[in-house]
Amino acid sequence: MRAKRYVPLTAAALTALTWAVPTPWAWAQPPPVPAASSPGAPAIGRAWPVGAHPVVLRGWEPPATVYGPGHRGVDLAAPAGTAVRAVAAGRVSFAGRVAGRGVVSVELTGTALRTTYEPVRASVRKGDEVAAGEVVGVVEPTGGHCAVACVHWGLLSGRTYLDPLSLLPPWLLHGGPSRLLPVLGVPLPASAAYAP
């Protein structure tokens, strides 16, 4: 009998505490919009960060929620010592170490976008202006992020992550050999004319 008397008291006490002590979520600002619903970036890139058309080891996987799991960039296969290039023109906003890895960050000219590259031993310093395709460092040997050597390439607009591949125009993204097409209406020179 005695136990029954404490049950209603406990329920009443919990209800009172719930109303009296609001949780941090009661007054927190709503989280920013998840990266998954963010638009892509303008295709202003003029070079891949490494190589001519590197193997994408892991693509961009936007998280379902702001703080949820995902992959906020693209991993490109690149052995240690490979030159890392700026995808587009900009100004170096950071070149240093974060959590033991070399990181280079470039604010892209005329945009609110910032690219990041890691693990990179920087050859540039904060404040340096870089052109599209200019070397910003070399891939450092490191373990943990990729099963093989790679460079992690990220893209941010403010604090929102975007797909870095959206920076690349189709001709650069899809690669392939160039094909020359005839120019209609322009006669061939006599030396190039077909002779049976």
Protein backbone atom coordinates (compact mmCIF):
# COMPACT_ATOMS: atom_id res chain seq x y z
CA MET A 1 0.00 0.00 0.00
CA ARG A 2 2.75 2.37 0.86
CA ALA A 3 4.28 2.15 -2.65
CA LYS A 4 1.05 3.34 -4.27
CA ARG A 5 1.17 6.57 -2.29
CA TYR A 6 4.57 7.54 -3.77
CA VAL A 7 3.65 6.90 -7.43
CA PRO A 8 1.27 9.88 -7.77
CA LEU A 9 3.73 12.07 -5.90
CA THR A 10 6.57 11.11 -8.24
CA ALA A 11 4.50 11.78 -11.36
CA ALA A 12 3.44 15.18 -10.00
CA ALA A 13 7.04 16.04 -9.09
CA LEU A 14 8.31 15.14 -12.57
CA THR A 15 5.60 17.23 -14.21
CA ALA A 16 6.48 20.22 -12.04
CA LEU A 17 10.19 19.86 -12.79
CA THR A 18 9.53 19.62 -16.52
CA TRP A 19 7.76 22.98 -16.46
CA ALA A 20 10.03 24.66 -13.94
CA VAL A 21 13.39 23.83 -15.54
CA PRO A 22 13.29 24.27 -19.32
CA THR A 23 15.80 22.30 -21.30
CA PRO A 24 18.40 24.08 -23.44
CA TRP A 25 16.31 23.25 -26.51
CA ALA A 26 13.47 25.38 -25.18
CA TRP A 27 15.32 28.60 -25.89
CA ALA A 28 17.85 27.52 -28.54
CA GLN A 29 17.87 29.09 -31.97
CA PRO A 30 16.66 26.78 -34.72
CA PRO A 31 19.59 25.06 -36.46
CA PRO A 32 20.73 26.34 -39.84
CA VAL A 33 19.35 24.71 -42.96
CA PRO A 34 21.02 21.34 -43.62
CA ALA A 35 23.58 21.20 -46.41
CA ALA A 36 21.40 18.73 -48.31
CA SER A 37 18.92 21.47 -49.22
CA SER A 38 21.60 23.98 -50.20
CA PRO A 39 22.01 24.89 -53.87
CA GLY A 40 25.17 24.03 -55.76
CA ALA A 41 27.92 26.49 -56.53
CA PRO A 42 28.51 28.33 -59.79
CA ALA A 43 30.81 26.37 -62.14
CA ILE A 44 33.78 28.76 -61.85
CA GLY A 45 36.50 26.14 -61.39
CA ARG A 46 39.30 26.04 -63.94
CA ALA A 47 41.37 23.11 -62.62
CA TRP A 48 41.06 19.94 -60.57
CA PRO A 49 42.81 20.17 -57.19
CA VAL A 50 45.05 17.21 -58.16
CA GLY A 51 45.84 15.72 -61.57
CA ALA A 52 43.90 16.14 -64.79
CA HIS A 53 40.89 14.00 -63.82
CA PRO A 54 41.58 12.18 -60.53
CA VAL A 55 39.71 9.17 -59.22
CA VAL A 56 36.97 10.18 -56.78
CA LEU A 57 37.41 7.77 -53.86
CA ARG A 58 34.42 9.09 -51.95
CA GLY A 59 31.88 11.65 -53.07
CA TRP A 60 29.97 14.33 -51.24
CA GLU A 61 27.32 12.91 -48.91
CA PRO A 62 25.36 15.73 -47.28
CA PRO A 63 24.17 14.97 -43.76
CA ALA A 64 20.44 14.55 -43.12
CA THR A 65 20.73 17.08 -40.27
CA VAL A 66 23.15 19.90 -39.57
CA TYR A 67 25.20 17.87 -37.09
CA GLY A 68 24.46 14.44 -38.56
CA PRO A 69 26.88 12.01 -40.16
CA GLY A 70 27.91 12.52 -43.76
CA HIS A 71 30.90 13.38 -45.92
CA ARG A 72 31.28 17.13 -46.28
CA GLY A 73 33.61 17.08 -49.25
CA VAL A 74 35.16 14.86 -51.90
CA ASP A 75 38.17 12.55 -51.52
CA LEU A 76 40.44 12.48 -54.57
CA ALA A 77 43.12 9.82 -55.06
CA ALA A 78 46.53 11.50 -54.88
CA PRO A 79 49.81 10.01 -53.65
CA ALA A 80 51.93 11.91 -51.14
CA GLY A 81 53.93 14.64 -52.82
CA THR A 82 51.30 15.36 -55.50
CA ALA A 83 50.89 19.06 -56.26
CA VAL A 84 47.61 20.52 -54.95
CA ARG A 85 46.21 23.37 -57.04
CA ALA A 86 43.66 26.10 -56.43
CA VAL A 87 40.47 25.21 -58.31
CA ALA A 88 39.67 28.87 -58.98
CA ALA A 89 41.29 32.24 -58.37
CA GLY A 90 41.13 33.62 -54.84
CA ARG A 91 42.91 34.64 -51.66
CA VAL A 92 44.38 32.21 -49.13
CA SER A 93 42.40 32.62 -45.90
CA PHE A 94 44.19 29.87 -43.97
CA ALA A 95 47.35 27.82 -44.39
CA GLY A 96 48.36 25.81 -41.34
CA ARG A 97 47.63 22.77 -39.21
CA VAL A 98 44.28 21.63 -37.84
CA ALA A 99 44.12 18.49 -35.68
CA GLY A 100 47.59 17.49 -36.87
CA ARG A 101 46.84 17.84 -40.59
CA GLY A 102 47.92 20.52 -43.01
CA VAL A 103 44.99 22.56 -44.35
CA VAL A 104 44.81 25.25 -47.02
CA SER A 105 41.66 27.33 -47.44
CA VAL A 106 41.05 29.71 -50.35
CA GLU A 107 38.29 32.36 -50.54
CA LEU A 108 37.19 32.41 -54.18
CA THR A 109 37.27 35.79 -55.91
CA GLY A 110 33.89 37.50 -56.41
CA THR A 111 31.96 34.91 -54.39
CA ALA A 112 31.07 34.02 -50.82
CA LEU A 113 32.64 30.59 -51.35
CA ARG A 114 35.68 29.01 -49.72
CA THR A 115 37.49 25.84 -50.79
CA THR A 116 39.55 23.69 -48.43
CA TYR A 117 42.24 21.13 -49.14
CA GLU A 118 43.75 18.61 -46.70
CA PRO A 119 46.18 17.02 -45.84
CA VAL A 120 48.41 19.55 -47.56
CA ARG A 121 51.88 20.88 -46.79
CA ALA A 122 51.24 24.50 -47.78
CA SER A 123 53.51 26.44 -50.12
CA VAL A 124 51.35 29.56 -49.67
CA ARG A 125 50.58 31.81 -46.71
CA LYS A 126 47.48 33.54 -45.44
CA GLY A 127 46.74 36.59 -47.60
CA ASP A 128 48.44 35.27 -50.76
CA GLU A 129 46.49 35.76 -53.99
CA VAL A 130 46.37 32.60 -56.12
CA ALA A 131 45.32 32.01 -59.71
CA ALA A 132 43.22 29.09 -60.90
CA GLY A 133 45.53 26.09 -61.26
CA GLU A 134 48.29 27.61 -59.11
CA VAL A 135 50.02 25.18 -56.72
CA VAL A 136 49.09 25.84 -53.07
CA GLY A 137 51.00 22.87 -51.60
CA VAL A 138 51.61 19.13 -51.83
CA VAL A 139 49.69 16.15 -50.45
CA GLU A 140 51.09 15.08 -47.09
CA PRO A 141 51.48 11.42 -46.18
CA THR A 142 48.89 10.71 -43.53
CA GLY A 143 46.57 7.96 -42.46
CA GLY A 144 43.06 7.73 -41.18
CA HIS A 145 40.84 9.58 -43.62
CA CYS A 146 41.26 7.42 -46.73
CA ALA A 147 42.32 3.82 -47.18
CA VAL A 148 44.82 5.04 -49.81
CA ALA A 149 46.56 8.40 -50.14
CA CYS A 150 44.10 11.15 -50.98
CA VAL A 151 43.29 14.81 -50.70
CA HIS A 152 40.00 15.89 -49.11
CA TRP A 153 38.50 18.80 -51.05
CA GLY A 154 35.75 20.81 -49.41
CA LEU A 155 33.54 23.76 -50.37
CA LEU A 156 31.72 26.11 -48.01
CA SER A 157 29.35 29.01 -48.37
CA GLY A 158 29.53 30.65 -44.96
CA ARG A 159 29.13 27.67 -42.60
CA THR A 160 27.15 25.57 -45.10
CA TYR A 161 28.93 22.77 -46.92
CA LEU A 162 28.31 22.34 -50.64
CA ASP A 163 29.36 19.74 -53.20
CA PRO A 164 32.82 20.83 -54.42
CA LEU A 165 32.29 19.06 -57.74
CA SER A 166 29.61 21.68 -58.52
CA LEU A 167 32.47 24.18 -59.00
CA LEU A 168 33.69 22.33 -62.07
CA PRO A 169 32.14 23.10 -65.46
CA PRO A 170 30.95 20.07 -67.48
CA TRP A 171 33.92 20.18 -69.87
CA LEU A 172 36.30 19.82 -66.92
CA LEU A 173 34.14 17.54 -64.80
CA HIS A 174 33.48 14.97 -67.49
CA GLY A 175 36.84 15.34 -69.20
CA GLY A 176 37.44 13.31 -72.28
CA PRO A 177 39.47 14.18 -75.34
CA SER A 178 38.76 17.34 -77.29
CA ARG A 179 37.19 16.89 -80.68
CA LEU A 180 37.67 19.38 -83.51
CA LEU A 181 34.59 20.01 -85.58
CA PRO A 182 34.50 21.50 -89.09
CA VAL A 183 33.59 25.14 -89.40
CA LEU A 184 30.62 25.33 -91.75
CA GLY A 185 30.77 27.87 -94.56
CA VAL A 186 34.56 28.24 -94.53
CA PRO A 187 36.23 26.75 -97.64
CA LEU A 188 39.22 24.47 -97.17
CA PRO A 189 42.58 25.80 -98.36
CA ALA A 190 43.74 24.33 -101.67
CA SER A 191 46.48 22.32 -99.95
CA ALA A 192 43.91 20.59 -97.70
CA ALA A 193 41.33 19.90 -100.45
CA TYR A 194 40.60 16.27 -101.19
CA ALA A 195 42.36 14.99 -104.29
CA PRO A 196 41.20 11.64 -105.78
